[in-house]
PDB file of N, CA and C in Angstrom:
ATOM      1  N   MET A   1       1.160  -1.340   0.244  1.00  0.00           N
ATOM      2  CA  MET A   1      -0.283   0.082   0.028  1.00  0.00           C
ATOM      3  C   MET A   1       0.805   1.361   0.240  1.00  0.00           C
ATOM      4  N   GLU A   2       1.714   0.974   0.820  1.00  0.00           N
ATOM      5  CA  GLU A   2       2.707   2.446   0.802  1.00  0.00           C
ATOM      6  C   GLU A   2       3.528   2.464  -0.673  1.00  0.00           C
ATOM      7  N   ARG A   3       3.501   1.335  -1.542  1.00  0.00           N
ATOM      8  CA  ARG A   3       4.178   1.887  -2.496  1.00  0.00           C
ATOM      9  C   ARG A   3       3.551   2.165  -3.509  1.00  0.00           C
ATOM     10  N   THR A   4       2.246   1.832  -3.092  1.00  0.00           N
ATOM     11  CA  THR A   4       1.549   2.249  -4.525  1.00  0.00           C
ATOM     12  C   THR A   4       1.250   4.002  -3.973  1.00  0.00           C
ATOM     13  N   GLN A   5       1.111   4.319  -2.625  1.00  0.00           N
ATOM     14  CA  GLN A   5       0.905   5.828  -2.408  1.00  0.00           C
ATOM     15  C   GLN A   5       1.903   6.536  -2.862  1.00  0.00           C
ATOM     16  N   GLN A   6       3.851   6.068  -2.770  1.00  0.00           N
ATOM     17  CA  GLN A   6       4.165   6.503  -3.242  1.00  0.00           C
ATOM     18  C   GLN A   6       4.875   6.828  -4.682  1.00  0.00           C
ATOM     19  N   HIS A   7       4.269   5.432  -4.990  1.00  0.00           N
ATOM     20  CA  HIS A   7       3.767   6.040  -6.994  1.00  0.00           C
ATOM     21  C   HIS A   7       3.007   6.997  -7.335  1.00  0.00           C
ATOM     22  N   LEU A   8       2.104   7.141  -6.738  1.00  0.00           N
ATOM     23  CA  LEU A   8       1.153   8.298  -6.982  1.00  0.00           C
ATOM     24  C   LEU A   8       1.758   9.731  -6.376  1.00  0.00           C
ATOM     25  N   ALA A   9       2.474   9.692  -5.594  1.00  0.00           N
ATOM     26  CA  ALA A   9       2.659  11.055  -5.057  1.00  0.00           C
ATOM     27  C   ALA A   9       4.107  11.097  -6.480  1.00  0.00           C
ATOM     28  N   GLN A  10       5.048  10.627  -6.713  1.00  0.00           N
ATOM     29  CA  GLN A  10       5.718  10.476  -7.332  1.00  0.00           C
ATOM     30  C   GLN A  10       5.064  11.304  -9.263  1.00  0.00           C
ATOM     31  N   ALA A  11       3.762  10.493  -9.734  1.00  0.00           N
ATOM     32  CA  ALA A  11       3.033  11.103 -10.812  1.00  0.00           C
ATOM     33  C   ALA A  11       2.270  12.105 -10.439  1.00  0.00           C
ATOM     34  N   GLU A  12       2.067  12.489  -9.535  1.00  0.00           N
ATOM     35  CA  GLU A  12       1.440  13.826  -9.288  1.00  0.00           C
ATOM     36  C   GLU A  12       2.402  14.943  -9.265  1.00  0.00           C
ATOM     37  N   HIS A  13       4.002  14.624  -8.930  1.00  0.00           N
ATOM     38  CA  HIS A  13       4.763  15.715  -9.015  1.00  0.00           C
ATOM     39  C   HIS A  13       5.568  15.991 -10.227  1.00  0.00           C
ATOM     40  N   GLY A  14       5.364  14.996 -10.626  1.00  0.00           N
ATOM     41  CA  GLY A  14       5.686  15.176 -12.256  1.00  0.00           C
ATOM     42  C   GLY A  14       4.776  15.600 -13.025  1.00  0.00           C
ATOM     43  N   SER A  15       3.699  15.644 -12.926  1.00  0.00           N
ATOM     44  CA  SER A  15       2.601  16.213 -13.556  1.00  0.00           C
ATOM     45  C   SER A  15       2.858  18.019 -12.976  1.00  0.00           C
ATOM     46  N   ASP A  16       3.056  18.075 -11.815  1.00  0.00           N
ATOM     47  CA  ASP A  16       3.239  19.475 -11.748  1.00  0.00           C
ATOM     48  C   ASP A  16       4.571  19.961 -12.620  1.00  0.00           C
ATOM     49  N   LEU A  17       5.270  19.523 -12.233  1.00  0.00           N
ATOM     50  CA  LEU A  17       6.253  19.878 -13.102  1.00  0.00           C
ATOM     51  C   LEU A  17       5.668  19.838 -14.452  1.00  0.00           C
ATOM     52  N   ARG A  18       5.343  19.499 -14.643  1.00  0.00           N
ATOM     53  CA  ARG A  18       5.108  19.228 -16.422  1.00  0.00           C
ATOM     54  C   ARG A  18       4.069  20.968 -16.528  1.00  0.00           C
ATOM     55  N   TRP A  19       3.362  21.125 -15.819  1.00  0.00           N
ATOM     56  CA  TRP A  19       2.263  22.328 -15.964  1.00  0.00           C
ATOM     57  C   TRP A  19       3.452  23.583 -15.747  1.00  0.00           C
ATOM     58  N   LEU A  20       4.403  23.383 -14.756  1.00  0.00           N
ATOM     59  CA  LEU A  20       5.284  25.132 -14.257  1.00  0.00           C
ATOM     60  C   LEU A  20       6.393  24.825 -15.749  1.00  0.00           C
ATOM     61  N   ASN A  21       6.489  24.159 -16.185  1.00  0.00           N
ATOM     62  CA  ASN A  21       6.994  24.042 -17.475  1.00  0.00           C
ATOM     63  C   ASN A  21       6.621  25.019 -18.320  1.00  0.00           C
ATOM     64  N   LEU A  22       5.453  24.613 -18.750  1.00  0.00           N
ATOM     65  CA  LEU A  22       4.154  24.599 -19.695  1.00  0.00           C
ATOM     66  C   LEU A  22       4.154  26.257 -19.094  1.00  0.00           C
ATOM     67  N   TYR A  23       3.580  26.295 -18.051  1.00  0.00           N
ATOM     68  CA  TYR A  23       3.292  27.750 -17.874  1.00  0.00           C
ATOM     69  C   TYR A  23       4.547  29.130 -17.889  1.00  0.00           C
ATOM     70  N   ALA A  24       5.538  28.655 -17.592  1.00  0.00           N
ATOM     71  CA  ALA A  24       7.009  29.132 -17.839  1.00  0.00           C
ATOM     72  C   ALA A  24       7.629  29.343 -19.192  1.00  0.00           C
ATOM     73  N   ARG A  25       7.032  28.212 -20.035  1.00  0.00           N
ATOM     74  CA  ARG A  25       6.939  28.431 -21.814  1.00  0.00           C
ATOM     75  C   ARG A  25       6.018  29.811 -22.164  1.00  0.00           C
ATOM     76  N   LEU A  26       5.233  29.347 -21.557  1.00  0.00           N
ATOM     77  CA  LEU A  26       3.867  30.276 -22.050  1.00  0.00           C
ATOM     78  C   LEU A  26       4.087  31.469 -21.525  1.00  0.00           C
ATOM     79  N   ARG A  27       4.728  32.076 -20.376  1.00  0.00           N
ATOM     80  CA  ARG A  27       5.072  33.689 -19.995  1.00  0.00           C
ATOM     81  C   ARG A  27       6.477  33.897 -21.101  1.00  0.00           C
ATOM     82  N   GLN A  28       7.108  32.998 -20.922  1.00  0.00           N
ATOM     83  CA  GLN A  28       8.504  33.393 -21.897  1.00  0.00           C
ATOM     84  C   GLN A  28       8.000  34.294 -22.900  1.00  0.00           C
ATOM     85  N   TRP A  29       6.909  33.266 -23.650  1.00  0.00           N
ATOM     86  CA  TRP A  29       6.126  33.870 -25.097  1.00  0.00           C
ATOM     87  C   TRP A  29       5.549  34.904 -25.176  1.00  0.00           C
ATOM     88  N   GLN A  30       5.075  35.189 -23.805  1.00  0.00           N
ATOM     89  CA  GLN A  30       4.180  36.848 -23.661  1.00  0.00           C
ATOM     90  C   GLN A  30       5.570  37.997 -23.701  1.00  0.00           C
ATOM     91  N   ARG A  31       6.470  37.435 -22.741  1.00  0.00           N
ATOM     92  CA  ARG A  31       7.098  38.511 -22.858  1.00  0.00           C
ATOM     93  C   ARG A  31       8.458  38.573 -23.833  1.00  0.00           C
ATOM     94  N   ASN A  32       8.690  37.800 -25.319  1.00  0.00           N
ATOM     95  CA  ASN A  32       8.891  38.259 -26.561  1.00  0.00           C
ATOM     96  C   ASN A  32       8.440  38.585 -27.265  1.00  0.00           C
ATOM     97  N   ARG A  33       7.005  38.408 -26.865  1.00  0.00           N
ATOM     98  CA  ARG A  33       5.862  39.375 -27.675  1.00  0.00           C
ATOM     99  C   ARG A  33       5.924  40.183 -27.483  1.00  0.00           C
ATOM    100  N   ARG A  34       5.579  40.905 -26.165  1.00  0.00           N
ATOM    101  CA  ARG A  34       5.539  42.373 -24.686  1.00  0.00           C
ATOM    102  C   ARG A  34       6.936  42.869 -25.870  1.00  0.00           C
ATOM    103  N   THR A  35       7.755  42.412 -25.397  1.00  0.00           N
ATOM    104  CA  THR A  35       9.614  43.582 -25.423  1.00  0.00           C
ATOM    105  C   THR A  35       9.495  43.297 -26.814  1.00  0.00           C
ATOM    106  N   ARG A  36       9.331  42.782 -27.931  1.00  0.00           N
ATOM    107  CA  ARG A  36       9.115  43.146 -29.191  1.00  0.00           C
ATOM    108  C   ARG A  36       8.587  44.137 -29.642  1.00  0.00           C
ATOM    109  N   GLN A  37       7.067  43.884 -29.141  1.00  0.00           N
ATOM    110  CA  GLN A  37       6.386  45.157 -29.754  1.00  0.00           C
ATOM    111  C   GLN A  37       7.019  46.334 -29.153  1.00  0.00           C
ATOM    112  N   GLN A  38       7.541  46.412 -27.869  1.00  0.00           N
ATOM    113  CA  GLN A  38       7.895  48.003 -27.375  1.00  0.00           C
ATOM    114  C   GLN A  38       9.509  48.342 -28.234  1.00  0.00           C
ATOM    115  N   LEU A  39       9.724  47.319 -28.934  1.00  0.00           N
ATOM    116  CA  LEU A  39      11.116  47.224 -29.627  1.00  0.00           C
ATOM    117  C   LEU A  39      10.557  47.893 -31.013  1.00  0.00           C
ATOM    118  N   ALA A  40       9.677  47.571 -31.657  1.00  0.00           N
ATOM    119  CA  ALA A  40       9.291  48.209 -32.535  1.00  0.00           C
ATOM    120  C   ALA A  40       8.926  49.629 -32.867  1.00  0.00           C
ATOM    121  N   LEU A  41       8.414  50.496 -31.441  1.00  0.00           N
ATOM    122  CA  LEU A  41       7.982  51.610 -31.205  1.00  0.00           C
ATOM    123  C   LEU A  41       9.254  52.458 -30.824  1.00  0.00           C
ATOM    124  N   LEU A  42      10.469  51.683 -30.957  1.00  0.00           N
ATOM    125  CA  LEU A  42      11.548  52.634 -30.964  1.00  0.00           C
ATOM    126  C   LEU A  42      12.084  53.534 -32.046  1.00  0.00           C
ATOM    127  N   ASP A  43      12.335  54.708 -31.970  1.00  0.00           N
ATOM    128  CA  ASP A  43      12.703  55.590 -32.649  1.00  0.00           C
ATOM    129  C   ASP A  43      14.163  55.494 -33.444  1.00  0.00           C
ATOM    130  N   ASP A  44      14.829  55.710 -34.427  1.00  0.00           N
ATOM    131  CA  ASP A  44      16.261  55.920 -34.461  1.00  0.00           C
ATOM    132  C   ASP A  44      17.125  56.442 -33.057  1.00  0.00           C
ATOM    133  N   ARG A  45      16.727  57.083 -32.487  1.00  0.00           N
ATOM    134  CA  ARG A  45      17.206  58.098 -31.345  1.00  0.00           C
ATOM    135  C   ARG A  45      17.249  57.415 -30.122  1.00  0.00           C
ATOM    136  N   GLN A  46      16.521  56.426 -30.164  1.00  0.00           N
ATOM    137  CA  GLN A  46      15.900  55.617 -28.627  1.00  0.00           C
ATOM    138  C   GLN A  46      17.172  53.891 -28.852  1.00  0.00           C
ATOM    139  N   LEU A  47      16.956  53.675 -30.274  1.00  0.00           N
ATOM    140  CA  LEU A  47      17.621  52.735 -31.418  1.00  0.00           C
ATOM    141  C   LEU A  47      19.243  52.817 -30.651  1.00  0.00           C
ATOM    142  N   ALA A  48      19.879  53.672 -30.943  1.00  0.00           N
ATOM    143  CA  ALA A  48      20.968  54.351 -31.231  1.00  0.00           C
ATOM    144  C   ALA A  48      21.709  54.619 -29.722  1.00  0.00           C
ATOM    145  N   ASP A  49      20.741  54.814 -28.194  1.00  0.00           N
ATOM    146  CA  ASP A  49      21.214  54.910 -27.077  1.00  0.00           C
ATOM    147  C   ASP A  49      21.132  53.387 -26.978  1.00  0.00           C
ATOM    148  N   ALA A  50      20.238  52.395 -27.104  1.00  0.00           N
ATOM    149  CA  ALA A  50      20.062  50.928 -26.489  1.00  0.00           C
ATOM    150  C   ALA A  50      21.115  50.172 -27.085  1.00  0.00           C
ATOM    151  N   GLY A  51      21.879  51.157 -28.031  1.00  0.00           N
ATOM    152  CA  GLY A  51      23.349  50.511 -28.757  1.00  0.00           C
ATOM    153  C   GLY A  51      22.548  49.055 -30.108  1.00  0.00           C
ATOM    154  N   ILE A  52      20.886  49.656 -30.202  1.00  0.00           N
ATOM    155  CA  ILE A  52      21.140  48.729 -31.456  1.00  0.00           C
ATOM    156  C   ILE A  52      20.644  49.136 -32.678  1.00  0.00           C
ATOM    157  N   SER A  53      21.325  48.772 -34.140  1.00  0.00           N
ATOM    158  CA  SER A  53      20.722  48.982 -35.476  1.00  0.00           C
ATOM    159  C   SER A  53      19.620  49.133 -35.602  1.00  0.00           C
ATOM    160  N   SER A  54      19.140  49.216 -36.705  1.00  0.00           N
ATOM    161  CA  SER A  54      17.438  49.248 -37.225  1.00  0.00           C
ATOM    162  C   SER A  54      18.146  47.918 -38.110  1.00  0.00           C
ATOM    163  N   ALA A  55      18.492  47.316 -38.666  1.00  0.00           N
ATOM    164  CA  ALA A  55      18.924  45.720 -38.961  1.00  0.00           C
ATOM    165  C   ALA A  55      18.685  44.872 -37.952  1.00  0.00           C
ATOM    166  N   GLN A  56      19.586  45.422 -36.929  1.00  0.00           N
ATOM    167  CA  GLN A  56      19.730  44.140 -35.712  1.00  0.00           C
ATOM    168  C   GLN A  56      18.080  44.310 -35.554  1.00  0.00           C
ATOM    169  N   ARG A  57      16.903  45.288 -35.154  1.00  0.00           N
ATOM    170  CA  ARG A  57      15.792  45.749 -34.784  1.00  0.00           C
ATOM    171  C   ARG A  57      14.903  44.480 -35.648  1.00  0.00           C
ATOM    172  N   GLU A  58      15.299  45.000 -37.076  1.00  0.00           N
ATOM    173  CA  GLU A  58      14.366  44.080 -38.111  1.00  0.00           C
ATOM    174  C   GLU A  58      14.570  42.392 -38.238  1.00  0.00           C
ATOM    175  N   GLN A  59      15.976  41.946 -37.564  1.00  0.00           N
ATOM    176  CA  GLN A  59      15.996  40.629 -37.343  1.00  0.00           C
ATOM    177  C   GLN A  59      15.521  39.969 -36.098  1.00  0.00           C
ATOM    178  N   GLU A  60      15.526  40.965 -35.179  1.00  0.00           N
ATOM    179  CA  GLU A  60      14.769  39.849 -34.007  1.00  0.00           C
ATOM    180  C   GLU A  60      12.624  40.823 -34.138  1.00  0.00           C
ATOM    181  N   LEU A  61      12.928  41.294 -34.733  1.00  0.00           N
ATOM    182  CA  LEU A  61      11.313  41.132 -35.095  1.00  0.00           C
ATOM    183  C   LEU A  61      10.418  40.572 -36.249  1.00  0.00           C
ATOM    184  N   ALA A  62      11.639  40.021 -36.600  1.00  0.00           N
ATOM    185  CA  ALA A  62      11.046  39.188 -37.742  1.00  0.00           C
ATOM    186  C   ALA A  62      11.339  37.748 -36.837  1.00  0.00           C
ATOM    187  N   LYS A  63      11.451  37.583 -35.849  1.00  0.00           N
ATOM    188  CA  LYS A  63      11.851  36.049 -35.306  1.00  0.00           C
ATOM    189  C   LYS A  63      10.463  35.547 -34.777  1.00  0.00           C
ATOM    190  N   PRO A  64       9.683  34.371 -34.591  1.00  0.00           N
ATOM    191  CA  PRO A  64       8.499  34.173 -34.107  1.00  0.00           C
ATOM    192  C   PRO A  64       8.842  33.782 -32.287  1.00  0.00           C
ATOM    193  N   PHE A  65       7.538  34.349 -32.229  1.00  0.00           N
ATOM    194  CA  PHE A  65       7.422  34.599 -30.769  1.00  0.00           C
ATOM    195  C   PHE A  65       8.131  33.296 -29.633  1.00  0.00           C
ATOM    196  N   TRP A  66       8.493  32.118 -30.158  1.00  0.00           N
ATOM    197  CA  TRP A  66       8.661  30.842 -29.505  1.00  0.00           C
ATOM    198  C   TRP A  66      10.038  31.140 -29.530  1.00  0.00           C
ATOM    199  N   ARG A  67      10.804  32.338 -30.360  1.00  0.00           N
ATOM    200  CA  ARG A  67      12.420  32.104 -30.227  1.00  0.00           C
ATOM    201  C   ARG A  67      12.651  33.255 -29.223  1.00  0.00           C
TER     202      ARG A  67
END
């Protein structure tokens, strides 16, 4: 009986980790999307202040949200 309970507890823990990993990945995708939206709004002066060229901005904006 104890062995069965231990196995179930491990399975629940594994499930929790999968949900946490999924949640973390979704949050990262949201962050990528939000920061790229903000990057798109910067003018040339602001880009220069950040040390980013227009070409670098375009490369970043061309990436899909999951990268």
